[in-house]
Structure formats: structure tokens, C-alpha cells
């Protein structure tokens, strides 16, 4: 195994869920398969490996721009569960298939990524990946099994979660009624608007673009792409001080609808949420995303039975 790992490291940077000194389980580079945590869900997704939290786009100096480069030319091998492998396919849609142009800075890292599957023979308590169609994948080159990488055996996928959700059946005739539901106002008080849920979500794709000047007396600097969050108040602020989603409930509505309606409506294949349940575990207010989906499904059916709230 040590010879195999040495050979792999010649070709790949190896990333897997590992326990850090503060006790958190996050994705980091590994030197040994024994570092991989397989019996607990990682607190963070592998997204930051191929979509860095802070990413320099280009440098500017003396009226010239210079593209950033990837310092390590090796490919990237990530040990991940089926839901997180499914999640990168959602991000591929956003960054590579949205608007007719591919995002160069995402693609140059994404093209390097391959996966080894971490099997889930049983579901964790907060997961609902089966309901979201994200519990099975064929996007891997091997399976992590018995302390080694198995390239021949058939994978084991979770077939049932302890939680399940009913995706709201929203048609265009009631979209405005769904947006105007009084239900969203409950989050004005119940949600902290901290953005913690989006930080751990494997499919959130929002970012801010900032210019960093190296010193007060210089115009030299760099442009960076930095993770943003639609749950934070300043994300939807506009020039002149107007904010299109100033209330927390409006931001919660935007996030929920994107995860279980807008993405599917636009791209047609899957919903954006993969049911990993990390947002529930991260939330300081104990908001449960699967409960929101199920509650909304019930309210949608009630709207349909009543012919829409505005009719």
C-alpha cells in the first residue's frame, strides 16, 4: 500500500476527509489511507478542493494583467461519498453549462479531478440523499474498501435514509403564490442569516469578486474570487443602498427555491440539493432543511387545492 500511495502521489494530489487538530473533519491532503475518516460524515464538503474559498483570478501591475497559474500540475484524486460526487455534477452545470460559456477558472481545476468512492452501506441520521437522487454514482475510478483501493468490485450504495422528503410539485401557475407564502416570514426571526449552511453545502456556487491592492501607495494587486452566501444580507445589496432580499425570510426563500425548484426548472435533470444534511448539522438555530422541503410540499398542495392564494 505504501508503494501504491507513493505512486499515486507522483500523479495526483490526494484529498480525503481527515480529522484536524480542532476535531473537525474536513477535506485535506493525505499521505496515507489510514488518515481517511470513513465512519463519520465530514463536517465540510470536498468543494473547496476544486472551487477554492479564495481564488486569485489574475494579477495587475503597471497597467498589465497576468493570469494566475496552478502551481501544482498534478491531477487531483478525491476520496468522496456518492452525494458529494453527485454534487460536483451540479456545480459542473452551473459553471460549465450555464449561459453558453464555460468558467475557465473552474474548468482548469475541474478537468484534473477524479474520484475514489467512499461507500455508504448505511445512512447517517441527517441524510436524505435517496430522495434527492444523489445516493448512486458511477463517476469514480475505484472504491475505498478494507484499507485499499478496489478497482474490480461492485460498489455498495445506501438505498434508504432515515429521513425522506417530498419534492414540492410547483407549476408556473402558482410560483408567485409560493413566493408570497406567509411561511417565509417565520424565518425572519428563526434564521440567523449567518450563511453557515451555505459554507458547508457541496452545491452552493455563489461568490463575490474583489480587488486587493497591495499597498496604499500602489496600484498593483490582484483580483480574487471569494465564496459568497445568498443568506447574508450584503450579498443582495445593490448600488444606491437598495437590497432586493433584505429580510432573512426572503433570502431563505431564494435559497430553498434554488435548491428544489429553480435549478431543475432551468436545467431539467436533477435538483440542486443532494441531501447530504450538512446544513442541518451546521445551523445554530437548528433549522432542518428536509423539514422545510416537506412543509413547502404540503403548502404547495394546499395552494393547488385552493386554486392559488391570489385567486
C-alpha atoms as a PDB file:
ATOM      1  CA  UNK A   1       0.000   0.000   0.000  1.00  0.00           C
ATOM      2  CA  UNK A   2       2.828   2.415   0.759  1.00  0.00           C
ATOM      3  CA  UNK A   3       4.284   1.749  -2.695  1.00  0.00           C
ATOM      4  CA  UNK A   4       0.853   2.353  -4.233  1.00  0.00           C
ATOM      5  CA  UNK A   5       0.390   5.608  -2.315  1.00  0.00           C
ATOM      6  CA  UNK A   6       3.830   6.767  -3.379  1.00  0.00           C
ATOM      7  CA  UNK A   7       2.975   6.001  -6.985  1.00  0.00           C
ATOM      8  CA  UNK A   8      -0.371   7.780  -6.706  1.00  0.00           C
ATOM      9  CA  UNK A   9       1.262  10.883  -5.234  1.00  0.00           C
ATOM     10  CA  UNK A  10       3.532  11.110  -8.251  1.00  0.00           C
ATOM     11  CA  UNK A  11       0.434  11.603 -10.401  1.00  0.00           C
ATOM     12  CA  UNK A  12      -2.172  13.069  -8.027  1.00  0.00           C
ATOM     13  CA  UNK A  13      -2.677  15.391  -5.151  1.00  0.00           C
ATOM     14  CA  UNK A  14      -4.686  13.190  -2.788  1.00  0.00           C
ATOM     15  CA  UNK A  15      -7.602  14.664  -0.818  1.00  0.00           C
ATOM     16  CA  UNK A  16      -9.898  12.963   1.662  1.00  0.00           C
ATOM     17  CA  UNK A  17     -11.952  13.684   4.794  1.00  0.00           C
ATOM     18  CA  UNK A  18      -9.474  13.763   7.684  1.00  0.00           C
ATOM     19  CA  UNK A  19      -9.629  14.863  11.288  1.00  0.00           C
ATOM     20  CA  UNK A  20      -7.924  18.162  12.011  1.00  0.00           C
ATOM     21  CA  UNK A  21      -6.441  19.199  15.388  1.00  0.00           C
ATOM     22  CA  UNK A  22      -9.581  21.173  16.277  1.00  0.00           C
ATOM     23  CA  UNK A  23     -11.655  17.987  15.962  1.00  0.00           C
ATOM     24  CA  UNK A  24     -13.360  18.947  12.714  1.00  0.00           C
ATOM     25  CA  UNK A  25     -13.489  16.555   9.771  1.00  0.00           C
ATOM     26  CA  UNK A  26     -12.597  18.419   6.607  1.00  0.00           C
ATOM     27  CA  UNK A  27     -11.046  17.648   3.265  1.00  0.00           C
ATOM     28  CA  UNK A  28      -7.274  17.957   3.226  1.00  0.00           C
ATOM     29  CA  UNK A  29      -4.276  16.413   1.535  1.00  0.00           C
ATOM     30  CA  UNK A  30      -3.335  12.973   2.818  1.00  0.00           C
ATOM     31  CA  UNK A  31      -0.171  10.877   2.799  1.00  0.00           C
ATOM     32  CA  UNK A  32      -1.762   7.623   3.931  1.00  0.00           C
ATOM     33  CA  UNK A  33      -5.137   5.907   3.534  1.00  0.00           C
ATOM     34  CA  UNK A  34      -5.184   5.487   7.317  1.00  0.00           C
ATOM     35  CA  UNK A  35      -5.810   9.243   7.635  1.00  0.00           C
ATOM     36  CA  UNK A  36      -9.214   8.968   5.942  1.00  0.00           C
ATOM     37  CA  UNK A  37     -12.237   9.165   8.266  1.00  0.00           C
ATOM     38  CA  UNK A  38     -14.794   6.711   6.906  1.00  0.00           C
ATOM     39  CA  UNK A  39     -17.115   6.075   9.858  1.00  0.00           C
ATOM     40  CA  UNK A  40     -18.250   9.691  10.305  1.00  0.00           C
ATOM     41  CA  UNK A  41     -19.645  12.251   7.896  1.00  0.00           C
ATOM     42  CA  UNK A  42     -17.249  15.077   7.115  1.00  0.00           C
ATOM     43  CA  UNK A  43     -18.354  18.435   8.501  1.00  0.00           C
ATOM     44  CA  UNK A  44     -17.354  20.146   5.252  1.00  0.00           C
ATOM     45  CA  UNK A  45     -17.671  19.037   1.642  1.00  0.00           C
ATOM     46  CA  UNK A  46     -14.784  18.496  -0.803  1.00  0.00           C
ATOM     47  CA  UNK A  47     -15.958  21.511  -2.831  1.00  0.00           C
ATOM     48  CA  UNK A  48     -13.119  23.761  -1.725  1.00  0.00           C
ATOM     49  CA  UNK A  49     -10.605  21.432  -3.425  1.00  0.00           C
ATOM     50  CA  UNK A  50     -11.871  22.287  -6.927  1.00  0.00           C
ATOM     51  CA  UNK A  51     -13.650  25.567  -6.090  1.00  0.00           C
ATOM     52  CA  UNK A  52     -11.272  27.272  -3.606  1.00  0.00           C
ATOM     53  CA  UNK A  53     -12.682  29.523  -0.902  1.00  0.00           C
ATOM     54  CA  UNK A  54     -10.295  32.246  -2.112  1.00  0.00           C
ATOM     55  CA  UNK A  55      -9.040  32.014  -5.685  1.00  0.00           C
ATOM     56  CA  UNK A  56      -6.789  34.545  -7.408  1.00  0.00           C
ATOM     57  CA  UNK A  57      -8.065  35.178 -10.915  1.00  0.00           C
ATOM     58  CA  UNK A  58      -5.346  37.467 -12.208  1.00  0.00           C
ATOM     59  CA  UNK A  59      -2.696  39.957 -11.096  1.00  0.00           C
ATOM     60  CA  UNK A  60      -2.425  43.556 -12.258  1.00  0.00           C
ATOM     61  CA  UNK A  61       0.746  45.638 -12.343  1.00  0.00           C
ATOM     62  CA  UNK A  62       1.891  48.636 -14.333  1.00  0.00           C
ATOM     63  CA  UNK A  63      -1.277  48.657 -16.427  1.00  0.00           C
ATOM     64  CA  UNK A  64      -0.760  44.992 -17.328  1.00  0.00           C
ATOM     65  CA  UNK A  65      -2.733  41.918 -16.323  1.00  0.00           C
ATOM     66  CA  UNK A  66      -1.253  38.481 -15.751  1.00  0.00           C
ATOM     67  CA  UNK A  67      -3.328  35.320 -15.412  1.00  0.00           C
ATOM     68  CA  UNK A  68      -2.898  33.257 -12.270  1.00  0.00           C
ATOM     69  CA  UNK A  69      -1.452  29.779 -12.699  1.00  0.00           C
ATOM     70  CA  UNK A  70      -1.927  26.443 -10.955  1.00  0.00           C
ATOM     71  CA  UNK A  71       1.287  25.876  -9.043  1.00  0.00           C
ATOM     72  CA  UNK A  72       0.998  22.099  -8.791  1.00  0.00           C
ATOM     73  CA  UNK A  73       0.496  20.452 -12.162  1.00  0.00           C
ATOM     74  CA  UNK A  74      -0.582  17.070 -10.824  1.00  0.00           C
ATOM     75  CA  UNK A  75      -4.142  15.838 -11.187  1.00  0.00           C
ATOM     76  CA  UNK A  76      -6.439  15.649  -8.156  1.00  0.00           C
ATOM     77  CA  UNK A  77      -7.786  12.426  -6.647  1.00  0.00           C
ATOM     78  CA  UNK A  78     -10.592  12.904  -4.112  1.00  0.00           C
ATOM     79  CA  UNK A  79     -11.968  10.226  -1.803  1.00  0.00           C
ATOM     80  CA  UNK A  80     -15.660  11.115  -1.519  1.00  0.00           C
ATOM     81  CA  UNK A  81     -19.138   9.742  -0.896  1.00  0.00           C
ATOM     82  CA  UNK A  82     -21.745   9.401  -3.618  1.00  0.00           C
ATOM     83  CA  UNK A  83     -23.637  12.553  -2.591  1.00  0.00           C
ATOM     84  CA  UNK A  84     -20.501  14.691  -2.871  1.00  0.00           C
ATOM     85  CA  UNK A  85     -19.615  13.167  -6.238  1.00  0.00           C
ATOM     86  CA  UNK A  86     -23.179  13.916  -7.370  1.00  0.00           C
ATOM     87  CA  UNK A  87     -22.738  17.455  -6.054  1.00  0.00           C
ATOM     88  CA  UNK A  88     -19.822  18.246  -8.337  1.00  0.00           C
ATOM     89  CA  UNK A  89     -22.026  17.356 -11.280  1.00  0.00           C
ATOM     90  CA  UNK A  90     -24.478  20.048 -10.115  1.00  0.00           C
ATOM     91  CA  UNK A  91     -21.634  22.553  -9.944  1.00  0.00           C
ATOM     92  CA  UNK A  92     -20.498  21.468 -13.409  1.00  0.00           C
ATOM     93  CA  UNK A  93     -23.909  22.526 -14.675  1.00  0.00           C
ATOM     94  CA  UNK A  94     -23.614  25.950 -13.052  1.00  0.00           C
ATOM     95  CA  UNK A  95     -20.029  26.682 -14.078  1.00  0.00           C
ATOM     96  CA  UNK A  96     -19.759  24.860 -17.402  1.00  0.00           C
ATOM     97  CA  UNK A  97     -23.253  24.759 -18.911  1.00  0.00           C
ATOM     98  CA  UNK A  98     -24.915  27.946 -17.709  1.00  0.00           C
ATOM     99  CA  UNK A  99     -25.238  30.849 -20.114  1.00  0.00           C
ATOM    100  CA  UNK A 100     -23.423  29.279 -23.027  1.00  0.00           C
ATOM    101  CA  UNK A 101     -19.887  29.826 -21.717  1.00  0.00           C
ATOM    102  CA  UNK A 102     -17.599  27.757 -19.522  1.00  0.00           C
ATOM    103  CA  UNK A 103     -15.933  29.263 -16.478  1.00  0.00           C
ATOM    104  CA  UNK A 104     -12.210  28.966 -17.229  1.00  0.00           C
ATOM    105  CA  UNK A 105     -11.025  29.136 -13.613  1.00  0.00           C
ATOM    106  CA  UNK A 106     -13.395  26.390 -12.515  1.00  0.00           C
ATOM    107  CA  UNK A 107     -12.725  24.201 -15.546  1.00  0.00           C
ATOM    108  CA  UNK A 108      -8.948  24.158 -15.280  1.00  0.00           C
ATOM    109  CA  UNK A 109      -9.189  22.602 -11.827  1.00  0.00           C
ATOM    110  CA  UNK A 110     -12.250  20.501 -12.572  1.00  0.00           C
ATOM    111  CA  UNK A 111     -10.528  18.813 -15.515  1.00  0.00           C
ATOM    112  CA  UNK A 112      -7.934  17.457 -13.096  1.00  0.00           C
ATOM    113  CA  UNK A 113     -10.412  15.825 -10.688  1.00  0.00           C
ATOM    114  CA  UNK A 114     -11.056  12.104 -10.352  1.00  0.00           C
ATOM    115  CA  UNK A 115     -12.809  10.287  -7.515  1.00  0.00           C
ATOM    116  CA  UNK A 116     -12.418   7.223  -5.358  1.00  0.00           C
ATOM    117  CA  UNK A 117     -15.769   6.263  -3.857  1.00  0.00           C
ATOM    118  CA  UNK A 118     -16.214   6.066  -0.088  1.00  0.00           C
ATOM    119  CA  UNK A 119     -19.106   3.661   0.288  1.00  0.00           C
ATOM    120  CA  UNK A 120     -22.147   4.330   2.464  1.00  0.00           C
ATOM    121  CA  UNK A 121     -23.568   0.935   3.453  1.00  0.00           C
ATOM    122  CA  UNK A 122     -25.853   2.764   5.895  1.00  0.00           C
ATOM    123  CA  UNK A 123     -27.259   6.277   6.001  1.00  0.00           C
ATOM    124  CA  UNK A 124     -26.252   8.901   8.528  1.00  0.00           C
ATOM    125  CA  UNK A 125     -29.092  10.375  10.601  1.00  0.00           C
ATOM    126  CA  UNK A 126     -29.471  13.687   8.753  1.00  0.00           C
ATOM    127  CA  UNK A 127     -29.085  12.384   5.188  1.00  0.00           C
ATOM    128  CA  UNK A 128     -31.883  12.338   2.596  1.00  0.00           C
ATOM    129  CA  UNK A 129     -29.760  11.668  -0.488  1.00  0.00           C
ATOM    130  CA  UNK A 130     -32.001   8.869  -1.739  1.00  0.00           C
ATOM    131  CA  UNK A 131     -34.964  11.259  -2.046  1.00  0.00           C
ATOM    132  CA  UNK A 132     -32.758  13.688  -3.999  1.00  0.00           C
ATOM    133  CA  UNK A 133     -31.474  11.034  -6.406  1.00  0.00           C
ATOM    134  CA  UNK A 134     -27.885  11.588  -5.261  1.00  0.00           C
ATOM    135  CA  UNK A 135     -27.117   8.315  -3.466  1.00  0.00           C
ATOM    136  CA  UNK A 136     -25.763   6.481  -6.521  1.00  0.00           C
ATOM    137  CA  UNK A 137     -22.975   7.452  -8.902  1.00  0.00           C
ATOM    138  CA  UNK A 138     -20.727   5.865 -11.491  1.00  0.00           C
ATOM    139  CA  UNK A 139     -18.226   8.728 -11.534  1.00  0.00           C
ATOM    140  CA  UNK A 140     -15.289   7.039  -9.792  1.00  0.00           C
ATOM    141  CA  UNK A 141     -12.158   5.089 -10.704  1.00  0.00           C
ATOM    142  CA  UNK A 142     -12.090   2.856  -7.626  1.00  0.00           C
ATOM    143  CA  UNK A 143     -13.668   2.068  -4.268  1.00  0.00           C
ATOM    144  CA  UNK A 144     -12.093   2.577  -0.864  1.00  0.00           C
ATOM    145  CA  UNK A 145     -12.565  -0.815   0.773  1.00  0.00           C
ATOM    146  CA  UNK A 146     -10.706  -2.717   3.501  1.00  0.00           C
ATOM    147  CA  UNK A 147      -7.961  -0.110   3.651  1.00  0.00           C
ATOM    148  CA  UNK A 148      -7.130  -0.230  -0.027  1.00  0.00           C
ATOM    149  CA  UNK A 149      -8.395   0.999  -3.395  1.00  0.00           C
ATOM    150  CA  UNK A 150     -10.509  -1.654  -5.066  1.00  0.00           C
ATOM    151  CA  UNK A 151     -10.956  -1.253  -8.824  1.00  0.00           C
ATOM    152  CA  UNK A 152     -12.770  -4.517  -9.518  1.00  0.00           C
ATOM    153  CA  UNK A 153     -15.651  -4.976  -7.048  1.00  0.00           C
ATOM    154  CA  UNK A 154     -19.181  -3.620  -7.356  1.00  0.00           C
ATOM    155  CA  UNK A 155     -19.909  -0.626  -5.081  1.00  0.00           C
ATOM    156  CA  UNK A 156     -22.348  -0.606  -2.170  1.00  0.00           C
ATOM    157  CA  UNK A 157     -24.711   2.377  -2.095  1.00  0.00           C
ATOM    158  CA  UNK A 158     -27.157   3.448   0.574  1.00  0.00           C
ATOM    159  CA  UNK A 159     -30.679   2.504  -0.529  1.00  0.00           C
ATOM    160  CA  UNK A 160     -32.737   4.025   2.289  1.00  0.00           C
ATOM    161  CA  UNK A 161     -32.390   7.055   4.538  1.00  0.00           C
ATOM    162  CA  UNK A 162     -33.804   7.593   7.989  1.00  0.00           C
ATOM    163  CA  UNK A 163     -35.250  10.798   6.543  1.00  0.00           C
ATOM    164  CA  UNK A 164     -37.164  11.265   3.325  1.00  0.00           C
ATOM    165  CA  UNK A 165     -38.531  14.294   1.544  1.00  0.00           C
ATOM    166  CA  UNK A 166     -41.321  15.004  -0.885  1.00  0.00           C
ATOM    167  CA  UNK A 167     -40.189  17.488  -3.509  1.00  0.00           C
ATOM    168  CA  UNK A 168     -42.831  20.222  -3.935  1.00  0.00           C
ATOM    169  CA  UNK A 169     -44.637  19.903  -7.263  1.00  0.00           C
ATOM    170  CA  UNK A 170     -44.574  23.576  -8.205  1.00  0.00           C
ATOM    171  CA  UNK A 171     -46.002  24.572 -11.560  1.00  0.00           C
ATOM    172  CA  UNK A 172     -45.737  28.009 -13.096  1.00  0.00           C
ATOM    173  CA  UNK A 173     -49.332  28.887 -12.266  1.00  0.00           C
ATOM    174  CA  UNK A 174     -48.593  29.035  -8.524  1.00  0.00           C
ATOM    175  CA  UNK A 175     -44.968  30.246  -8.411  1.00  0.00           C
ATOM    176  CA  UNK A 176     -45.996  33.758  -7.361  1.00  0.00           C
ATOM    177  CA  UNK A 177     -48.236  32.314  -4.668  1.00  0.00           C
ATOM    178  CA  UNK A 178     -45.351  30.210  -3.346  1.00  0.00           C
ATOM    179  CA  UNK A 179     -43.090  33.258  -3.262  1.00  0.00           C
ATOM    180  CA  UNK A 180     -45.720  35.194  -1.294  1.00  0.00           C
ATOM    181  CA  UNK A 181     -46.373  32.467   1.281  1.00  0.00           C
ATOM    182  CA  UNK A 182     -46.516  33.761   4.848  1.00  0.00           C
ATOM    183  CA  UNK A 183     -44.407  30.727   5.753  1.00  0.00           C
ATOM    184  CA  UNK A 184     -41.235  32.551   4.709  1.00  0.00           C
ATOM    185  CA  UNK A 185     -41.832  35.242   7.318  1.00  0.00           C
ATOM    186  CA  UNK A 186     -41.231  32.699  10.087  1.00  0.00           C
ATOM    187  CA  UNK A 187     -37.551  32.686   9.127  1.00  0.00           C
ATOM    188  CA  UNK A 188     -37.232  36.432   9.710  1.00  0.00           C
ATOM    189  CA  UNK A 189     -36.901  35.590  13.394  1.00  0.00           C
ATOM    190  CA  UNK A 190     -35.903  31.922  13.365  1.00  0.00           C
ATOM    191  CA  UNK A 191     -32.925  32.149  10.983  1.00  0.00           C
ATOM    192  CA  UNK A 192     -29.713  33.941  11.956  1.00  0.00           C
ATOM    193  CA  UNK A 193     -28.801  34.676   8.330  1.00  0.00           C
ATOM    194  CA  UNK A 194     -25.236  33.658   9.124  1.00  0.00           C
ATOM    195  CA  UNK A 195     -24.553  31.712   5.933  1.00  0.00           C
ATOM    196  CA  UNK A 196     -23.183  28.713   7.810  1.00  0.00           C
ATOM    197  CA  UNK A 197     -25.433  26.396   5.822  1.00  0.00           C
ATOM    198  CA  UNK A 198     -24.046  27.608   2.509  1.00  0.00           C
ATOM    199  CA  UNK A 199     -20.449  27.276   3.715  1.00  0.00           C
ATOM    200  CA  UNK A 200     -20.834  23.523   4.176  1.00  0.00           C
ATOM    201  CA  UNK A 201     -23.148  22.916   1.212  1.00  0.00           C
ATOM    202  CA  UNK A 202     -21.470  20.993  -1.630  1.00  0.00           C
ATOM    203  CA  UNK A 203     -23.646  22.645  -4.298  1.00  0.00           C
ATOM    204  CA  UNK A 204     -23.728  26.324  -3.299  1.00  0.00           C
ATOM    205  CA  UNK A 205     -21.983  28.277  -6.044  1.00  0.00           C
ATOM    206  CA  UNK A 206     -22.281  31.959  -5.077  1.00  0.00           C
ATOM    207  CA  UNK A 207     -19.140  34.092  -4.934  1.00  0.00           C
ATOM    208  CA  UNK A 208     -18.012  37.703  -4.633  1.00  0.00           C
ATOM    209  CA  UNK A 209     -15.276  39.277  -6.753  1.00  0.00           C
ATOM    210  CA  UNK A 210     -12.876  41.634  -5.003  1.00  0.00           C
ATOM    211  CA  UNK A 211      -9.769  43.590  -5.960  1.00  0.00           C
ATOM    212  CA  UNK A 212      -6.916  43.585  -3.448  1.00  0.00           C
ATOM    213  CA  UNK A 213      -4.400  46.446  -3.629  1.00  0.00           C
ATOM    214  CA  UNK A 214      -1.055  45.543  -2.113  1.00  0.00           C
ATOM    215  CA  UNK A 215      -0.349  48.949  -0.561  1.00  0.00           C
ATOM    216  CA  UNK A 216      -1.942  52.382  -0.222  1.00  0.00           C
ATOM    217  CA  UNK A 217       0.658  53.969  -2.473  1.00  0.00           C
ATOM    218  CA  UNK A 218       0.476  51.356  -5.240  1.00  0.00           C
ATOM    219  CA  UNK A 219      -1.977  50.311  -7.916  1.00  0.00           C
ATOM    220  CA  UNK A 220      -0.529  46.800  -8.032  1.00  0.00           C
ATOM    221  CA  UNK A 221      -2.708  43.995  -6.778  1.00  0.00           C
ATOM    222  CA  UNK A 222      -4.860  41.032  -7.711  1.00  0.00           C
ATOM    223  CA  UNK A 223      -8.448  40.127  -8.415  1.00  0.00           C
ATOM    224  CA  UNK A 224      -9.876  37.347  -6.269  1.00  0.00           C
ATOM    225  CA  UNK A 225     -12.968  35.207  -6.356  1.00  0.00           C
ATOM    226  CA  UNK A 226     -14.205  34.566  -2.812  1.00  0.00           C
ATOM    227  CA  UNK A 227     -17.067  32.383  -1.644  1.00  0.00           C
ATOM    228  CA  UNK A 228     -20.216  34.376  -1.000  1.00  0.00           C
ATOM    229  CA  UNK A 229     -23.566  33.456   0.507  1.00  0.00           C
ATOM    230  CA  UNK A 230     -27.076  34.335  -0.597  1.00  0.00           C
ATOM    231  CA  UNK A 231     -28.076  34.006   3.078  1.00  0.00           C
ATOM    232  CA  UNK A 232     -26.069  37.059   4.101  1.00  0.00           C
ATOM    233  CA  UNK A 233     -27.690  40.472   3.897  1.00  0.00           C
ATOM    234  CA  UNK A 234     -24.984  42.249   1.918  1.00  0.00           C
ATOM    235  CA  UNK A 235     -24.988  39.657  -0.874  1.00  0.00           C
ATOM    236  CA  UNK A 236     -28.144  41.099  -2.460  1.00  0.00           C
ATOM    237  CA  UNK A 237     -27.279  44.751  -1.760  1.00  0.00           C
ATOM    238  CA  UNK A 238     -27.243  46.982  -4.826  1.00  0.00           C
ATOM    239  CA  UNK A 239     -25.766  50.333  -5.741  1.00  0.00           C
ATOM    240  CA  UNK A 240     -27.629  53.144  -4.027  1.00  0.00           C
ATOM    241  CA  UNK A 241     -28.381  51.081  -0.943  1.00  0.00           C
ATOM    242  CA  UNK A 242     -31.324  49.078  -2.258  1.00  0.00           C
ATOM    243  CA  UNK A 243     -31.490  45.443  -1.155  1.00  0.00           C
ATOM    244  CA  UNK A 244     -33.778  43.090  -3.041  1.00  0.00           C
ATOM    245  CA  UNK A 245     -33.758  40.497  -0.235  1.00  0.00           C
ATOM    246  CA  UNK A 246     -33.247  42.453   2.952  1.00  0.00           C
ATOM    247  CA  UNK A 247     -35.385  40.169   5.152  1.00  0.00           C
ATOM    248  CA  UNK A 248     -33.886  36.852   6.206  1.00  0.00           C
ATOM    249  CA  UNK A 249     -37.042  35.021   5.174  1.00  0.00           C
ATOM    250  CA  UNK A 250     -36.681  36.331   1.634  1.00  0.00           C
ATOM    251  CA  UNK A 251     -33.131  35.004   1.494  1.00  0.00           C
ATOM    252  CA  UNK A 252     -34.237  31.647   2.852  1.00  0.00           C
ATOM    253  CA  UNK A 253     -36.946  31.506   0.176  1.00  0.00           C
ATOM    254  CA  UNK A 254     -34.376  32.282  -2.517  1.00  0.00           C
ATOM    255  CA  UNK A 255     -32.052  29.503  -1.312  1.00  0.00           C
ATOM    256  CA  UNK A 256     -34.774  26.892  -0.896  1.00  0.00           C
ATOM    257  CA  UNK A 257     -36.359  27.605  -4.267  1.00  0.00           C
ATOM    258  CA  UNK A 258     -32.984  27.419  -5.983  1.00  0.00           C
ATOM    259  CA  UNK A 259     -32.239  24.053  -4.409  1.00  0.00           C
ATOM    260  CA  UNK A 260     -35.543  22.325  -5.130  1.00  0.00           C
ATOM    261  CA  UNK A 261     -37.205  24.264  -7.967  1.00  0.00           C
ATOM    262  CA  UNK A 262     -35.224  26.848  -9.982  1.00  0.00           C
ATOM    263  CA  UNK A 263     -32.225  24.653 -10.843  1.00  0.00           C
ATOM    264  CA  UNK A 264     -34.431  21.798 -12.014  1.00  0.00           C
ATOM    265  CA  UNK A 265     -36.721  24.174 -13.888  1.00  0.00           C
ATOM    266  CA  UNK A 266     -33.789  25.646 -15.799  1.00  0.00           C
ATOM    267  CA  UNK A 267     -31.656  22.574 -16.455  1.00  0.00           C
ATOM    268  CA  UNK A 268     -34.198  19.801 -16.248  1.00  0.00           C
ATOM    269  CA  UNK A 269     -32.310  16.764 -14.982  1.00  0.00           C
ATOM    270  CA  UNK A 270     -31.808  16.898 -11.223  1.00  0.00           C
ATOM    271  CA  UNK A 271     -32.483  19.128  -8.277  1.00  0.00           C
ATOM    272  CA  UNK A 272     -29.543  21.065  -6.894  1.00  0.00           C
ATOM    273  CA  UNK A 273     -29.721  19.779  -3.312  1.00  0.00           C
ATOM    274  CA  UNK A 274     -28.094  16.352  -2.878  1.00  0.00           C
ATOM    275  CA  UNK A 275     -29.498  15.662   0.591  1.00  0.00           C
ATOM    276  CA  UNK A 276     -26.176  15.468   2.453  1.00  0.00           C
ATOM    277  CA  UNK A 277     -27.738  17.053   5.553  1.00  0.00           C
ATOM    278  CA  UNK A 278     -24.665  19.117   6.477  1.00  0.00           C
ATOM    279  CA  UNK A 279     -26.678  22.337   6.621  1.00  0.00           C
ATOM    280  CA  UNK A 280     -28.830  20.908   9.428  1.00  0.00           C
ATOM    281  CA  UNK A 281     -25.766  19.983  11.460  1.00  0.00           C
ATOM    282  CA  UNK A 282     -24.190  23.398  10.942  1.00  0.00           C
ATOM    283  CA  UNK A 283     -27.229  25.562  11.714  1.00  0.00           C
ATOM    284  CA  UNK A 284     -27.004  27.396  15.078  1.00  0.00           C
ATOM    285  CA  UNK A 285     -30.805  27.713  15.076  1.00  0.00           C
ATOM    286  CA  UNK A 286     -31.472  24.001  14.473  1.00  0.00           C
ATOM    287  CA  UNK A 287     -33.260  24.636  11.182  1.00  0.00           C
ATOM    288  CA  UNK A 288     -33.785  21.348   9.353  1.00  0.00           C
ATOM    289  CA  UNK A 289     -33.720  21.648   5.571  1.00  0.00           C
ATOM    290  CA  UNK A 290     -35.600  18.396   4.965  1.00  0.00           C
ATOM    291  CA  UNK A 291     -38.418  19.712   7.164  1.00  0.00           C
ATOM    292  CA  UNK A 292     -38.548  22.898   5.092  1.00  0.00           C
ATOM    293  CA  UNK A 293     -38.883  20.876   1.882  1.00  0.00           C
ATOM    294  CA  UNK A 294     -41.662  18.713   3.314  1.00  0.00           C
ATOM    295  CA  UNK A 295     -43.507  21.689   4.799  1.00  0.00           C
ATOM    296  CA  UNK A 296     -43.314  23.534   1.498  1.00  0.00           C
ATOM    297  CA  UNK A 297     -44.604  20.456  -0.338  1.00  0.00           C
ATOM    298  CA  UNK A 298     -47.665  20.456   1.910  1.00  0.00           C
ATOM    299  CA  UNK A 299     -48.276  24.153   1.365  1.00  0.00           C
ATOM    300  CA  UNK A 300     -47.961  23.746  -2.390  1.00  0.00           C
ATOM    301  CA  UNK A 301     -50.601  21.032  -2.391  1.00  0.00           C
ATOM    302  CA  UNK A 302     -52.848  23.297  -0.299  1.00  0.00           C
ATOM    303  CA  UNK A 303     -52.367  26.144  -2.797  1.00  0.00           C
ATOM    304  CA  UNK A 304     -53.359  23.862  -5.630  1.00  0.00           C
ATOM    305  CA  UNK A 305     -56.444  22.679  -3.766  1.00  0.00           C
ATOM    306  CA  UNK A 306     -57.462  26.288  -3.106  1.00  0.00           C
ATOM    307  CA  UNK A 307     -56.738  27.406  -6.657  1.00  0.00           C
ATOM    308  CA  UNK A 308     -53.850  29.655  -5.581  1.00  0.00           C
ATOM    309  CA  UNK A 309     -53.710  32.156  -2.733  1.00  0.00           C
ATOM    310  CA  UNK A 310     -54.356  35.085  -5.062  1.00  0.00           C
ATOM    311  CA  UNK A 311     -57.453  33.612  -6.740  1.00  0.00           C
END
